[in-house]
PDB file of N, CA and C in Angstrom:
ATOM      1  N   UNK A   1     -13.633  75.123-108.327  1.00  0.00           N
ATOM      2  CA  UNK A   1     -13.077  73.788-108.255  1.00  0.00           C
ATOM      3  C   UNK A   1     -14.147  72.776-108.412  1.00  0.00           C
ATOM      4  N   UNK A   2     -13.804  71.668-108.915  1.00  0.00           N
ATOM      5  CA  UNK A   2     -14.714  70.554-109.148  1.00  0.00           C
ATOM      6  C   UNK A   2     -15.182  69.855-107.876  1.00  0.00           C
ATOM      7  N   UNK A   3     -16.403  69.224-107.997  1.00  0.00           N
ATOM      8  CA  UNK A   3     -16.888  68.442-106.933  1.00  0.00           C
ATOM      9  C   UNK A   3     -16.590  67.028-107.212  1.00  0.00           C
ATOM     10  N   UNK A   4     -16.095  66.634-108.458  1.00  0.00           N
ATOM     11  CA  UNK A   4     -15.816  65.249-108.812  1.00  0.00           C
ATOM     12  C   UNK A   4     -14.497  64.827-108.180  1.00  0.00           C
ATOM     13  N   UNK A   5     -14.570  63.739-107.322  1.00  0.00           N
ATOM     14  CA  UNK A   5     -13.407  63.314-106.536  1.00  0.00           C
ATOM     15  C   UNK A   5     -12.331  62.772-107.328  1.00  0.00           C
ATOM     16  N   UNK A   6     -12.751  61.981-108.373  1.00  0.00           N
ATOM     17  CA  UNK A   6     -11.672  61.393-109.306  1.00  0.00           C
ATOM     18  C   UNK A   6     -10.921  62.540-110.002  1.00  0.00           C
ATOM     19  N   UNK A   7     -11.594  63.548-110.441  1.00  0.00           N
ATOM     20  CA  UNK A   7     -10.979  64.605-111.136  1.00  0.00           C
ATOM     21  C   UNK A   7     -10.069  65.479-110.136  1.00  0.00           C
ATOM     22  N   UNK A   8     -10.543  65.641-108.977  1.00  0.00           N
ATOM     23  CA  UNK A   8      -9.801  66.275-107.952  1.00  0.00           C
ATOM     24  C   UNK A   8      -8.577  65.610-107.611  1.00  0.00           C
ATOM     25  N   UNK A   9      -8.598  64.305-107.535  1.00  0.00           N
ATOM     26  CA  UNK A   9      -7.448  63.510-107.320  1.00  0.00           C
ATOM     27  C   UNK A   9      -6.461  63.627-108.476  1.00  0.00           C
ATOM     28  N   UNK A  10      -6.962  63.627-109.653  1.00  0.00           N
ATOM     29  CA  UNK A  10      -6.103  63.895-110.910  1.00  0.00           C
ATOM     30  C   UNK A  10      -5.392  65.176-110.769  1.00  0.00           C
ATOM     31  N   UNK A  11      -6.074  66.238-110.457  1.00  0.00           N
ATOM     32  CA  UNK A  11      -5.566  67.622-110.294  1.00  0.00           C
ATOM     33  C   UNK A  11      -4.510  67.605-109.248  1.00  0.00           C
ATOM     34  N   UNK A  12      -4.781  66.974-108.120  1.00  0.00           N
ATOM     35  CA  UNK A  12      -3.805  66.888-106.991  1.00  0.00           C
ATOM     36  C   UNK A  12      -2.504  66.183-107.444  1.00  0.00           C
ATOM     37  N   UNK A  13      -2.655  65.058-108.089  1.00  0.00           N
ATOM     38  CA  UNK A  13      -1.387  64.406-108.581  1.00  0.00           C
ATOM     39  C   UNK A  13      -0.614  65.197-109.568  1.00  0.00           C
ATOM     40  N   UNK A  14      -1.306  65.890-110.472  1.00  0.00           N
ATOM     41  CA  UNK A  14      -0.687  66.775-111.471  1.00  0.00           C
ATOM     42  C   UNK A  14       0.062  67.933-110.783  1.00  0.00           C
ATOM     43  N   UNK A  15      -0.626  68.489-109.812  1.00  0.00           N
ATOM     44  CA  UNK A  15       0.028  69.640-109.109  1.00  0.00           C
ATOM     45  C   UNK A  15       1.225  69.252-108.358  1.00  0.00           C
ATOM     46  N   UNK A  16       1.164  68.042-107.774  1.00  0.00           N
ATOM     47  CA  UNK A  16       2.367  67.597-107.005  1.00  0.00           C
ATOM     48  C   UNK A  16       3.522  67.293-108.017  1.00  0.00           C
ATOM     49  N   UNK A  17       3.236  66.844-109.138  1.00  0.00           N
ATOM     50  CA  UNK A  17       4.341  66.574-110.139  1.00  0.00           C
ATOM     51  C   UNK A  17       4.882  67.841-110.728  1.00  0.00           C
ATOM     52  N   UNK A  18       4.102  68.858-110.923  1.00  0.00           N
ATOM     53  CA  UNK A  18       4.605  70.141-111.528  1.00  0.00           C
ATOM     54  C   UNK A  18       4.932  71.183-110.509  1.00  0.00           C
ATOM     55  N   UNK A  19       4.879  70.793-109.208  1.00  0.00           N
ATOM     56  CA  UNK A  19       5.280  71.666-108.109  1.00  0.00           C
ATOM     57  C   UNK A  19       4.515  72.954-108.007  1.00  0.00           C
ATOM     58  N   UNK A  20       3.108  72.794-107.952  1.00  0.00           N
ATOM     59  CA  UNK A  20       2.292  73.954-107.680  1.00  0.00           C
ATOM     60  C   UNK A  20       1.179  73.386-106.730  1.00  0.00           C
ATOM     61  N   UNK A  21       0.480  74.318-106.150  1.00  0.00           N
ATOM     62  CA  UNK A  21      -0.609  73.863-105.285  1.00  0.00           C
ATOM     63  C   UNK A  21      -1.983  73.862-106.017  1.00  0.00           C
ATOM     64  N   UNK A  22      -2.954  73.152-105.538  1.00  0.00           N
ATOM     65  CA  UNK A  22      -4.256  73.150-106.147  1.00  0.00           C
ATOM     66  C   UNK A  22      -4.802  74.443-106.216  1.00  0.00           C
ATOM     67  N   UNK A  23      -4.635  75.281-105.235  1.00  0.00           N
ATOM     68  CA  UNK A  23      -5.195  76.588-105.218  1.00  0.00           C
ATOM     69  C   UNK A  23      -4.573  77.397-106.337  1.00  0.00           C
ATOM     70  N   UNK A  24      -3.269  77.309-106.578  1.00  0.00           N
ATOM     71  CA  UNK A  24      -2.612  78.025-107.678  1.00  0.00           C
ATOM     72  C   UNK A  24      -3.146  77.624-108.944  1.00  0.00           C
ATOM     73  N   UNK A  25      -3.437  76.303-109.179  1.00  0.00           N
ATOM     74  CA  UNK A  25      -3.991  75.785-110.377  1.00  0.00           C
ATOM     75  C   UNK A  25      -5.279  76.419-110.715  1.00  0.00           C
ATOM     76  N   UNK A  26      -6.178  76.617-109.791  1.00  0.00           N
ATOM     77  CA  UNK A  26      -7.519  77.091-110.063  1.00  0.00           C
ATOM     78  C   UNK A  26      -7.739  78.556-109.764  1.00  0.00           C
ATOM     79  N   UNK A  27      -6.714  79.292-109.382  1.00  0.00           N
ATOM     80  CA  UNK A  27      -6.980  80.665-109.017  1.00  0.00           C
ATOM     81  C   UNK A  27      -6.983  81.577-110.211  1.00  0.00           C
ATOM     82  N   UNK A  28      -6.993  82.925-110.105  1.00  0.00           N
ATOM     83  CA  UNK A  28      -7.141  83.761-111.172  1.00  0.00           C
ATOM     84  C   UNK A  28      -5.742  84.373-111.622  1.00  0.00           C
ATOM     85  N   UNK A  29      -4.655  83.801-111.185  1.00  0.00           N
ATOM     86  CA  UNK A  29      -3.272  84.325-111.464  1.00  0.00           C
ATOM     87  C   UNK A  29      -3.079  84.231-112.907  1.00  0.00           C
ATOM     88  N   UNK A  30      -2.316  85.307-113.468  1.00  0.00           N
ATOM     89  CA  UNK A  30      -1.979  85.332-114.872  1.00  0.00           C
ATOM     90  C   UNK A  30      -0.429  85.127-114.988  1.00  0.00           C
ATOM     91  N   UNK A  31       0.198  84.559-113.912  1.00  0.00           N
ATOM     92  CA  UNK A  31       1.668  84.278-114.084  1.00  0.00           C
ATOM     93  C   UNK A  31       1.822  83.288-115.149  1.00  0.00           C
ATOM     94  N   UNK A  32       2.717  83.505-115.974  1.00  0.00           N
ATOM     95  CA  UNK A  32       2.991  82.621-117.125  1.00  0.00           C
ATOM     96  C   UNK A  32       3.087  81.198-116.775  1.00  0.00           C
ATOM     97  N   UNK A  33       3.945  80.952-115.786  1.00  0.00           N
ATOM     98  CA  UNK A  33       4.208  79.609-115.433  1.00  0.00           C
ATOM     99  C   UNK A  33       2.919  78.779-114.968  1.00  0.00           C
ATOM    100  N   UNK A  34       2.067  79.523-114.187  1.00  0.00           N
ATOM    101  CA  UNK A  34       0.844  78.940-113.747  1.00  0.00           C
ATOM    102  C   UNK A  34      -0.192  78.764-114.932  1.00  0.00           C
ATOM    103  N   UNK A  35      -0.224  79.776-115.793  1.00  0.00           N
ATOM    104  CA  UNK A  35      -1.148  79.784-116.925  1.00  0.00           C
ATOM    105  C   UNK A  35      -0.737  78.547-117.787  1.00  0.00           C
ATOM    106  N   UNK A  36       0.509  78.370-118.170  1.00  0.00           N
ATOM    107  CA  UNK A  36       0.905  77.308-118.945  1.00  0.00           C
ATOM    108  C   UNK A  36       0.553  75.899-118.396  1.00  0.00           C
ATOM    109  N   UNK A  37       0.765  75.765-117.140  1.00  0.00           N
ATOM    110  CA  UNK A  37       0.437  74.469-116.499  1.00  0.00           C
ATOM    111  C   UNK A  37      -1.039  74.228-116.442  1.00  0.00           C
ATOM    112  N   UNK A  38      -1.773  75.341-116.301  1.00  0.00           N
ATOM    113  CA  UNK A  38      -3.324  75.181-116.291  1.00  0.00           C
ATOM    114  C   UNK A  38      -3.759  74.855-117.691  1.00  0.00           C
ATOM    115  N   UNK A  39      -3.221  75.515-118.695  1.00  0.00           N
ATOM    116  CA  UNK A  39      -3.601  75.259-120.050  1.00  0.00           C
ATOM    117  C   UNK A  39      -3.248  73.875-120.467  1.00  0.00           C
ATOM    118  N   UNK A  40      -2.124  73.346-120.113  1.00  0.00           N
ATOM    119  CA  UNK A  40      -1.752  71.978-120.483  1.00  0.00           C
ATOM    120  C   UNK A  40      -2.754  71.000-119.904  1.00  0.00           C
ATOM    121  N   UNK A  41      -3.188  71.190-118.693  1.00  0.00           N
ATOM    122  CA  UNK A  41      -4.148  70.385-117.960  1.00  0.00           C
ATOM    123  C   UNK A  41      -5.477  70.403-118.757  1.00  0.00           C
ATOM    124  N   UNK A  42      -5.888  71.551-119.181  1.00  0.00           N
ATOM    125  CA  UNK A  42      -7.155  71.748-119.950  1.00  0.00           C
ATOM    126  C   UNK A  42      -7.004  70.943-121.237  1.00  0.00           C
ATOM    127  N   UNK A  43      -5.825  71.133-121.874  1.00  0.00           N
ATOM    128  CA  UNK A  43      -5.586  70.449-123.200  1.00  0.00           C
ATOM    129  C   UNK A  43      -5.645  68.921-122.985  1.00  0.00           C
ATOM    130  N   UNK A  44      -4.937  68.437-121.979  1.00  0.00           N
ATOM    131  CA  UNK A  44      -5.098  66.951-121.693  1.00  0.00           C
ATOM    132  C   UNK A  44      -6.437  66.436-121.397  1.00  0.00           C
ATOM    133  N   UNK A  45      -7.207  67.209-120.701  1.00  0.00           N
ATOM    134  CA  UNK A  45      -8.592  66.709-120.345  1.00  0.00           C
ATOM    135  C   UNK A  45      -9.367  66.684-121.664  1.00  0.00           C
ATOM    136  N   UNK A  46      -9.162  67.603-122.520  1.00  0.00           N
ATOM    137  CA  UNK A  46      -9.916  67.590-123.766  1.00  0.00           C
ATOM    138  C   UNK A  46      -9.463  66.570-124.784  1.00  0.00           C
ATOM    139  N   UNK A  47      -8.264  66.487-124.987  1.00  0.00           N
ATOM    140  CA  UNK A  47      -7.670  65.564-126.044  1.00  0.00           C
ATOM    141  C   UNK A  47      -7.567  64.110-125.598  1.00  0.00           C
ATOM    142  N   UNK A  48      -7.167  63.881-124.394  1.00  0.00           N
ATOM    143  CA  UNK A  48      -6.857  62.501-123.979  1.00  0.00           C
ATOM    144  C   UNK A  48      -8.079  61.872-123.294  1.00  0.00           C
ATOM    145  N   UNK A  49      -8.835  62.647-122.527  1.00  0.00           N
ATOM    146  CA  UNK A  49      -9.960  62.138-121.829  1.00  0.00           C
ATOM    147  C   UNK A  49     -11.293  62.436-122.475  1.00  0.00           C
ATOM    148  N   UNK A  50     -11.253  63.321-123.482  1.00  0.00           N
ATOM    149  CA  UNK A  50     -12.453  63.639-124.273  1.00  0.00           C
ATOM    150  C   UNK A  50     -13.542  64.338-123.442  1.00  0.00           C
ATOM    151  N   UNK A  51     -13.141  65.124-122.436  1.00  0.00           N
ATOM    152  CA  UNK A  51     -14.140  65.870-121.656  1.00  0.00           C
ATOM    153  C   UNK A  51     -14.681  67.016-122.517  1.00  0.00           C
ATOM    154  N   UNK A  52     -15.876  67.357-122.317  1.00  0.00           N
ATOM    155  CA  UNK A  52     -16.488  68.570-123.017  1.00  0.00           C
ATOM    156  C   UNK A  52     -15.854  69.877-122.571  1.00  0.00           C
ATOM    157  N   UNK A  53     -15.895  70.838-123.365  1.00  0.00           N
ATOM    158  CA  UNK A  53     -15.458  72.137-123.045  1.00  0.00           C
ATOM    159  C   UNK A  53     -16.163  72.726-121.799  1.00  0.00           C
ATOM    160  N   UNK A  54     -17.474  72.475-121.837  1.00  0.00           N
ATOM    161  CA  UNK A  54     -18.262  73.009-120.672  1.00  0.00           C
ATOM    162  C   UNK A  54     -17.852  72.312-119.371  1.00  0.00           C
ATOM    163  N   UNK A  55     -17.596  71.011-119.368  1.00  0.00           N
ATOM    164  CA  UNK A  55     -17.171  70.216-118.154  1.00  0.00           C
ATOM    165  C   UNK A  55     -15.795  70.776-117.661  1.00  0.00           C
ATOM    166  N   UNK A  56     -14.901  70.930-118.628  1.00  0.00           N
ATOM    167  CA  UNK A  56     -13.531  71.372-118.217  1.00  0.00           C
ATOM    168  C   UNK A  56     -13.661  72.744-117.634  1.00  0.00           C
ATOM    169  N   UNK A  57     -14.432  73.706-118.282  1.00  0.00           N
ATOM    170  CA  UNK A  57     -14.531  75.042-117.785  1.00  0.00           C
ATOM    171  C   UNK A  57     -15.123  75.068-116.345  1.00  0.00           C
ATOM    172  N   UNK A  58     -16.103  74.202-116.200  1.00  0.00           N
ATOM    173  CA  UNK A  58     -16.792  74.095-114.865  1.00  0.00           C
ATOM    174  C   UNK A  58     -15.762  73.564-113.818  1.00  0.00           C
ATOM    175  N   UNK A  59     -14.950  72.663-114.166  1.00  0.00           N
ATOM    176  CA  UNK A  59     -13.989  72.123-113.219  1.00  0.00           C
ATOM    177  C   UNK A  59     -12.987  73.116-112.761  1.00  0.00           C
ATOM    178  N   UNK A  60     -12.628  74.038-113.640  1.00  0.00           N
ATOM    179  CA  UNK A  60     -11.658  75.138-113.321  1.00  0.00           C
ATOM    180  C   UNK A  60     -12.361  76.363-112.830  1.00  0.00           C
ATOM    181  N   UNK A  61     -13.672  76.515-112.900  1.00  0.00           N
ATOM    182  CA  UNK A  61     -14.351  77.766-112.612  1.00  0.00           C
ATOM    183  C   UNK A  61     -14.130  78.810-113.638  1.00  0.00           C
ATOM    184  N   UNK A  62     -13.970  78.387-114.884  1.00  0.00           N
ATOM    185  CA  UNK A  62     -13.684  79.311-116.032  1.00  0.00           C
ATOM    186  C   UNK A  62     -14.803  79.261-117.040  1.00  0.00           C
ATOM    187  N   UNK A  63     -14.657  80.035-118.086  1.00  0.00           N
ATOM    188  CA  UNK A  63     -15.578  80.068-119.268  1.00  0.00           C
ATOM    189  C   UNK A  63     -15.156  79.109-120.246  1.00  0.00           C
ATOM    190  N   UNK A  64     -16.088  78.537-121.051  1.00  0.00           N
ATOM    191  CA  UNK A  64     -15.633  77.553-122.069  1.00  0.00           C
ATOM    192  C   UNK A  64     -14.749  78.202-123.192  1.00  0.00           C
ATOM    193  N   UNK A  65     -14.842  79.383-123.348  1.00  0.00           N
ATOM    194  CA  UNK A  65     -14.003  80.171-124.315  1.00  0.00           C
ATOM    195  C   UNK A  65     -12.546  80.050-123.802  1.00  0.00           C
ATOM    196  N   UNK A  66     -12.349  80.124-122.587  1.00  0.00           N
ATOM    197  CA  UNK A  66     -10.985  80.066-121.945  1.00  0.00           C
ATOM    198  C   UNK A  66     -10.406  78.661-122.286  1.00  0.00           C
ATOM    199  N   UNK A  67     -11.217  77.634-122.242  1.00  0.00           N
ATOM    200  CA  UNK A  67     -10.772  76.252-122.529  1.00  0.00           C
ATOM    201  C   UNK A  67     -10.442  76.181-124.103  1.00  0.00           C
ATOM    202  N   UNK A  68     -11.205  76.722-124.927  1.00  0.00           N
ATOM    203  CA  UNK A  68     -10.941  76.715-126.317  1.00  0.00           C
ATOM    204  C   UNK A  68      -9.655  77.433-126.616  1.00  0.00           C
ATOM    205  N   UNK A  69      -9.428  78.544-125.991  1.00  0.00           N
ATOM    206  CA  UNK A  69      -8.124  79.246-126.173  1.00  0.00           C
ATOM    207  C   UNK A  69      -6.936  78.433-125.744  1.00  0.00           C
ATOM    208  N   UNK A  70      -7.074  77.795-124.497  1.00  0.00           N
ATOM    209  CA  UNK A  70      -6.060  76.913-124.050  1.00  0.00           C
ATOM    210  C   UNK A  70      -5.676  75.827-124.898  1.00  0.00           C
ATOM    211  N   UNK A  71      -6.679  75.170-125.443  1.00  0.00           N
ATOM    212  CA  UNK A  71      -6.378  74.001-126.344  1.00  0.00           C
ATOM    213  C   UNK A  71      -5.715  74.433-127.565  1.00  0.00           C
ATOM    214  N   UNK A  72      -6.088  75.494-128.156  1.00  0.00           N
ATOM    215  CA  UNK A  72      -5.526  76.044-129.418  1.00  0.00           C
ATOM    216  C   UNK A  72      -4.069  76.526-129.234  1.00  0.00           C
ATOM    217  N   UNK A  73      -3.863  77.101-127.998  1.00  0.00           N
ATOM    218  CA  UNK A  73      -2.554  77.778-127.747  1.00  0.00           C
ATOM    219  C   UNK A  73      -1.506  76.529-127.369  1.00  0.00           C
ATOM    220  N   UNK A  74      -1.991  75.582-126.627  1.00  0.00           N
ATOM    221  CA  UNK A  74      -1.070  74.541-126.268  1.00  0.00           C
ATOM    222  C   UNK A  74      -0.676  73.682-127.515  1.00  0.00           C
ATOM    223  N   UNK A  75      -1.609  73.494-128.425  1.00  0.00           N
ATOM    224  CA  UNK A  75      -1.285  72.740-129.647  1.00  0.00           C
ATOM    225  C   UNK A  75      -0.111  73.364-130.396  1.00  0.00           C
ATOM    226  N   UNK A  76      -0.016  74.786-130.393  1.00  0.00           N
ATOM    227  CA  UNK A  76       1.056  75.408-130.947  1.00  0.00           C
ATOM    228  C   UNK A  76       2.302  75.401-130.110  1.00  0.00           C
ATOM    229  N   UNK A  77       2.069  75.630-128.777  1.00  0.00           N
ATOM    230  CA  UNK A  77       3.223  75.568-127.860  1.00  0.00           C
ATOM    231  C   UNK A  77       3.939  74.205-127.840  1.00  0.00           C
ATOM    232  N   UNK A  78       3.210  73.072-128.022  1.00  0.00           N
ATOM    233  CA  UNK A  78       3.841  71.728-127.999  1.00  0.00           C
ATOM    234  C   UNK A  78       4.939  71.617-129.099  1.00  0.00           C
ATOM    235  N   UNK A  79       4.674  72.342-130.138  1.00  0.00           N
ATOM    236  CA  UNK A  79       5.607  72.223-131.329  1.00  0.00           C
ATOM    237  C   UNK A  79       6.857  73.024-131.046  1.00  0.00           C
ATOM    238  N   UNK A  80       6.790  74.063-130.211  1.00  0.00           N
ATOM    239  CA  UNK A  80       7.915  75.054-130.147  1.00  0.00           C
ATOM    240  C   UNK A  80       8.692  74.910-128.762  1.00  0.00           C
ATOM    241  N   UNK A  81       7.949  74.709-127.695  1.00  0.00           N
ATOM    242  CA  UNK A  81       8.616  74.706-126.425  1.00  0.00           C
ATOM    243  C   UNK A  81       8.706  73.292-125.781  1.00  0.00           C
ATOM    244  N   UNK A  82       9.886  72.886-125.573  1.00  0.00           N
ATOM    245  CA  UNK A  82      10.168  71.493-125.060  1.00  0.00           C
ATOM    246  C   UNK A  82       9.609  71.367-123.577  1.00  0.00           C
ATOM    247  N   UNK A  83       9.603  72.333-122.793  1.00  0.00           N
ATOM    248  CA  UNK A  83       9.157  72.242-121.408  1.00  0.00           C
ATOM    249  C   UNK A  83       7.667  72.105-121.353  1.00  0.00           C
ATOM    250  N   UNK A  84       6.963  72.539-122.255  1.00  0.00           N
ATOM    251  CA  UNK A  84       5.476  72.325-122.424  1.00  0.00           C
ATOM    252  C   UNK A  84       5.231  70.871-122.639  1.00  0.00           C
ATOM    253  N   UNK A  85       6.054  70.276-123.439  1.00  0.00           N
ATOM    254  CA  UNK A  85       5.908  68.795-123.742  1.00  0.00           C
ATOM    255  C   UNK A  85       6.051  67.977-122.484  1.00  0.00           C
ATOM    256  N   UNK A  86       7.056  68.444-121.590  1.00  0.00           N
ATOM    257  CA  UNK A  86       7.257  67.871-120.285  1.00  0.00           C
ATOM    258  C   UNK A  86       6.040  67.817-119.460  1.00  0.00           C
ATOM    259  N   UNK A  87       5.374  68.999-119.386  1.00  0.00           N
ATOM    260  CA  UNK A  87       4.164  69.221-118.613  1.00  0.00           C
ATOM    261  C   UNK A  87       3.064  68.322-119.127  1.00  0.00           C
ATOM    262  N   UNK A  88       3.051  68.211-120.467  1.00  0.00           N
ATOM    263  CA  UNK A  88       1.999  67.339-121.061  1.00  0.00           C
ATOM    264  C   UNK A  88       2.181  65.872-120.745  1.00  0.00           C
ATOM    265  N   UNK A  89       3.459  65.432-120.839  1.00  0.00           N
ATOM    266  CA  UNK A  89       3.810  64.069-120.558  1.00  0.00           C
ATOM    267  C   UNK A  89       3.477  63.758-119.043  1.00  0.00           C
ATOM    268  N   UNK A  90       3.651  64.694-118.164  1.00  0.00           N
ATOM    269  CA  UNK A  90       3.384  64.461-116.772  1.00  0.00           C
ATOM    270  C   UNK A  90       1.824  64.315-116.611  1.00  0.00           C
ATOM    271  N   UNK A  91       1.105  65.261-117.348  1.00  0.00           N
ATOM    272  CA  UNK A  91      -0.381  65.182-117.198  1.00  0.00           C
ATOM    273  C   UNK A  91      -0.874  63.855-117.750  1.00  0.00           C
ATOM    274  N   UNK A  92      -0.241  63.284-118.752  1.00  0.00           N
ATOM    275  CA  UNK A  92      -0.687  62.046-119.338  1.00  0.00           C
ATOM    276  C   UNK A  92      -0.396  60.887-118.390  1.00  0.00           C
ATOM    277  N   UNK A  93       0.703  60.984-117.611  1.00  0.00           N
ATOM    278  CA  UNK A  93       1.132  59.875-116.685  1.00  0.00           C
ATOM    279  C   UNK A  93       0.145  59.870-115.500  1.00  0.00           C
ATOM    280  N   UNK A  94      -0.344  61.093-115.139  1.00  0.00           N
ATOM    281  CA  UNK A  94      -1.255  61.192-113.941  1.00  0.00           C
ATOM    282  C   UNK A  94      -2.521  60.411-114.312  1.00  0.00           C
TER     283      UNK A  94
END
């Protein structure tokens, strides 16, 4: 988890809106629901805030390749799954 307080506050707000805990967001779980919410947040940090892949990976305790995969996957999911768009809109509002 990140040491950046502003980013931690952003994560906390997002988690409250999508009804998961901060621990669930950053853990190793592969449950689809959690993975999708985590990937949407990675996508938002990259596209909207312009964070580097390395900084995003560091914030989540993941590898930069995980972030690359998340960004590419969510770009496709946004076109197909309406509920992913809802998660993205929530992340943008936070």
